[in-house]
């Protein structure tokens, strides 16, 4: 049995709709996120396998996006890291 939910949906005045859907498969334990864009009569869809659970999508939906400074900070951290992540965490 699959568990599917709409994570986000948007519609604008130009008859364009965007829908983000997450689905979990209890049988194989895999998850997929689909992005569907509807522009008038045209429908575009992209899907990707993910390790995000349905709960994760709720958690991250309203979080701030990663920005350039976040990436630079992570790069600097890893550059100065000795690789002992056990000690760090």
C-alpha atoms as a PDB file:
ATOM      1  CA  UNK A   1       0.000   0.000   0.000  1.00  0.00           C
ATOM      2  CA  UNK A   2       1.312   3.452  -0.884  1.00  0.00           C
ATOM      3  CA  UNK A   3       1.012   6.643   1.164  1.00  0.00           C
ATOM      4  CA  UNK A   4       0.809   9.709  -1.035  1.00  0.00           C
ATOM      5  CA  UNK A   5       0.417  13.335  -0.043  1.00  0.00           C
ATOM      6  CA  UNK A   6       0.632  16.742  -1.637  1.00  0.00           C
ATOM      7  CA  UNK A   7       3.544  18.623  -0.108  1.00  0.00           C
ATOM      8  CA  UNK A   8       2.902  21.930  -1.822  1.00  0.00           C
ATOM      9  CA  UNK A   9       0.741  23.354  -4.585  1.00  0.00           C
ATOM     10  CA  UNK A  10       0.637  26.766  -6.215  1.00  0.00           C
ATOM     11  CA  UNK A  11      -1.487  28.300  -8.895  1.00  0.00           C
ATOM     12  CA  UNK A  12      -1.120  31.663 -10.573  1.00  0.00           C
ATOM     13  CA  UNK A  13      -3.291  33.815 -12.813  1.00  0.00           C
ATOM     14  CA  UNK A  14      -1.532  32.625 -15.984  1.00  0.00           C
ATOM     15  CA  UNK A  15      -3.209  29.187 -15.643  1.00  0.00           C
ATOM     16  CA  UNK A  16       0.014  27.622 -14.363  1.00  0.00           C
ATOM     17  CA  UNK A  17      -0.166  25.145 -11.511  1.00  0.00           C
ATOM     18  CA  UNK A  18       2.724  23.517  -9.695  1.00  0.00           C
ATOM     19  CA  UNK A  19       2.247  20.494  -7.459  1.00  0.00           C
ATOM     20  CA  UNK A  20       4.861  18.724  -5.340  1.00  0.00           C
ATOM     21  CA  UNK A  21       3.887  15.187  -4.275  1.00  0.00           C
ATOM     22  CA  UNK A  22       5.599  12.692  -1.955  1.00  0.00           C
ATOM     23  CA  UNK A  23       4.806   8.995  -1.907  1.00  0.00           C
ATOM     24  CA  UNK A  24       6.053   6.138   0.302  1.00  0.00           C
ATOM     25  CA  UNK A  25       5.757   2.494  -0.683  1.00  0.00           C
ATOM     26  CA  UNK A  26       5.291   0.245   2.356  1.00  0.00           C
ATOM     27  CA  UNK A  27       6.140  -2.836   0.308  1.00  0.00           C
ATOM     28  CA  UNK A  28       9.600  -1.828  -0.920  1.00  0.00           C
ATOM     29  CA  UNK A  29      10.272   1.032   1.555  1.00  0.00           C
ATOM     30  CA  UNK A  30      11.210   3.464  -1.198  1.00  0.00           C
ATOM     31  CA  UNK A  31      10.010   7.048  -1.501  1.00  0.00           C
ATOM     32  CA  UNK A  32       9.562   9.255  -4.543  1.00  0.00           C
ATOM     33  CA  UNK A  33       8.968  12.986  -4.910  1.00  0.00           C
ATOM     34  CA  UNK A  34       7.153  14.205  -8.022  1.00  0.00           C
ATOM     35  CA  UNK A  35       7.074  17.738  -9.316  1.00  0.00           C
ATOM     36  CA  UNK A  36       4.186  18.372 -11.688  1.00  0.00           C
ATOM     37  CA  UNK A  37       3.720  21.609 -13.617  1.00  0.00           C
ATOM     38  CA  UNK A  38       0.506  22.238 -15.519  1.00  0.00           C
ATOM     39  CA  UNK A  39       0.671  25.051 -18.051  1.00  0.00           C
ATOM     40  CA  UNK A  40      -2.631  25.268 -19.880  1.00  0.00           C
ATOM     41  CA  UNK A  41      -2.987  22.030 -21.847  1.00  0.00           C
ATOM     42  CA  UNK A  42       0.625  20.945 -21.204  1.00  0.00           C
ATOM     43  CA  UNK A  43       1.741  18.824 -18.251  1.00  0.00           C
ATOM     44  CA  UNK A  44       5.379  18.433 -17.212  1.00  0.00           C
ATOM     45  CA  UNK A  45       6.465  15.907 -14.591  1.00  0.00           C
ATOM     46  CA  UNK A  46       9.768  15.054 -12.930  1.00  0.00           C
ATOM     47  CA  UNK A  47      10.183  12.344 -10.309  1.00  0.00           C
ATOM     48  CA  UNK A  48      13.117  11.361  -8.157  1.00  0.00           C
ATOM     49  CA  UNK A  49      13.777   8.640  -5.632  1.00  0.00           C
ATOM     50  CA  UNK A  50      14.494  10.119  -2.211  1.00  0.00           C
ATOM     51  CA  UNK A  51      15.362   9.074   1.300  1.00  0.00           C
ATOM     52  CA  UNK A  52      13.003  11.730   2.705  1.00  0.00           C
ATOM     53  CA  UNK A  53      10.062  10.340   4.619  1.00  0.00           C
ATOM     54  CA  UNK A  54       6.647  11.905   4.704  1.00  0.00           C
ATOM     55  CA  UNK A  55       7.516  13.422   8.111  1.00  0.00           C
ATOM     56  CA  UNK A  56      10.743  14.856   6.655  1.00  0.00           C
ATOM     57  CA  UNK A  57       8.789  16.713   3.983  1.00  0.00           C
ATOM     58  CA  UNK A  58       6.753  18.447   6.696  1.00  0.00           C
ATOM     59  CA  UNK A  59       9.921  19.311   8.593  1.00  0.00           C
ATOM     60  CA  UNK A  60      11.798  20.776   5.611  1.00  0.00           C
ATOM     61  CA  UNK A  61       8.879  22.373   3.736  1.00  0.00           C
ATOM     62  CA  UNK A  62       8.942  25.523   5.865  1.00  0.00           C
ATOM     63  CA  UNK A  63      12.681  25.678   6.524  1.00  0.00           C
ATOM     64  CA  UNK A  64      14.929  28.331   5.034  1.00  0.00           C
ATOM     65  CA  UNK A  65      16.625  27.456   1.756  1.00  0.00           C
ATOM     66  CA  UNK A  66      20.362  26.788   1.710  1.00  0.00           C
ATOM     67  CA  UNK A  67      22.186  29.935   0.626  1.00  0.00           C
ATOM     68  CA  UNK A  68      25.666  30.732  -0.686  1.00  0.00           C
ATOM     69  CA  UNK A  69      27.022  31.575   2.771  1.00  0.00           C
ATOM     70  CA  UNK A  70      25.866  28.166   4.068  1.00  0.00           C
ATOM     71  CA  UNK A  71      27.803  26.413   1.306  1.00  0.00           C
ATOM     72  CA  UNK A  72      30.938  28.496   1.883  1.00  0.00           C
ATOM     73  CA  UNK A  73      30.772  27.797   5.643  1.00  0.00           C
ATOM     74  CA  UNK A  74      30.406  24.066   5.033  1.00  0.00           C
ATOM     75  CA  UNK A  75      33.305  24.120   2.569  1.00  0.00           C
ATOM     76  CA  UNK A  76      35.526  25.931   5.081  1.00  0.00           C
ATOM     77  CA  UNK A  77      34.517  23.528   7.838  1.00  0.00           C
ATOM     78  CA  UNK A  78      35.328  20.468   5.710  1.00  0.00           C
ATOM     79  CA  UNK A  79      38.571  22.016   4.517  1.00  0.00           C
ATOM     80  CA  UNK A  80      39.748  22.369   8.133  1.00  0.00           C
ATOM     81  CA  UNK A  81      38.287  19.057   9.308  1.00  0.00           C
ATOM     82  CA  UNK A  82      40.595  16.131  10.030  1.00  0.00           C
ATOM     83  CA  UNK A  83      37.904  13.632   9.001  1.00  0.00           C
ATOM     84  CA  UNK A  84      37.077  12.398  12.508  1.00  0.00           C
ATOM     85  CA  UNK A  85      33.323  12.974  12.412  1.00  0.00           C
ATOM     86  CA  UNK A  86      32.790  10.821  15.503  1.00  0.00           C
ATOM     87  CA  UNK A  87      34.738  13.342  17.556  1.00  0.00           C
ATOM     88  CA  UNK A  88      32.902  16.295  15.973  1.00  0.00           C
ATOM     89  CA  UNK A  89      29.446  14.887  16.629  1.00  0.00           C
END
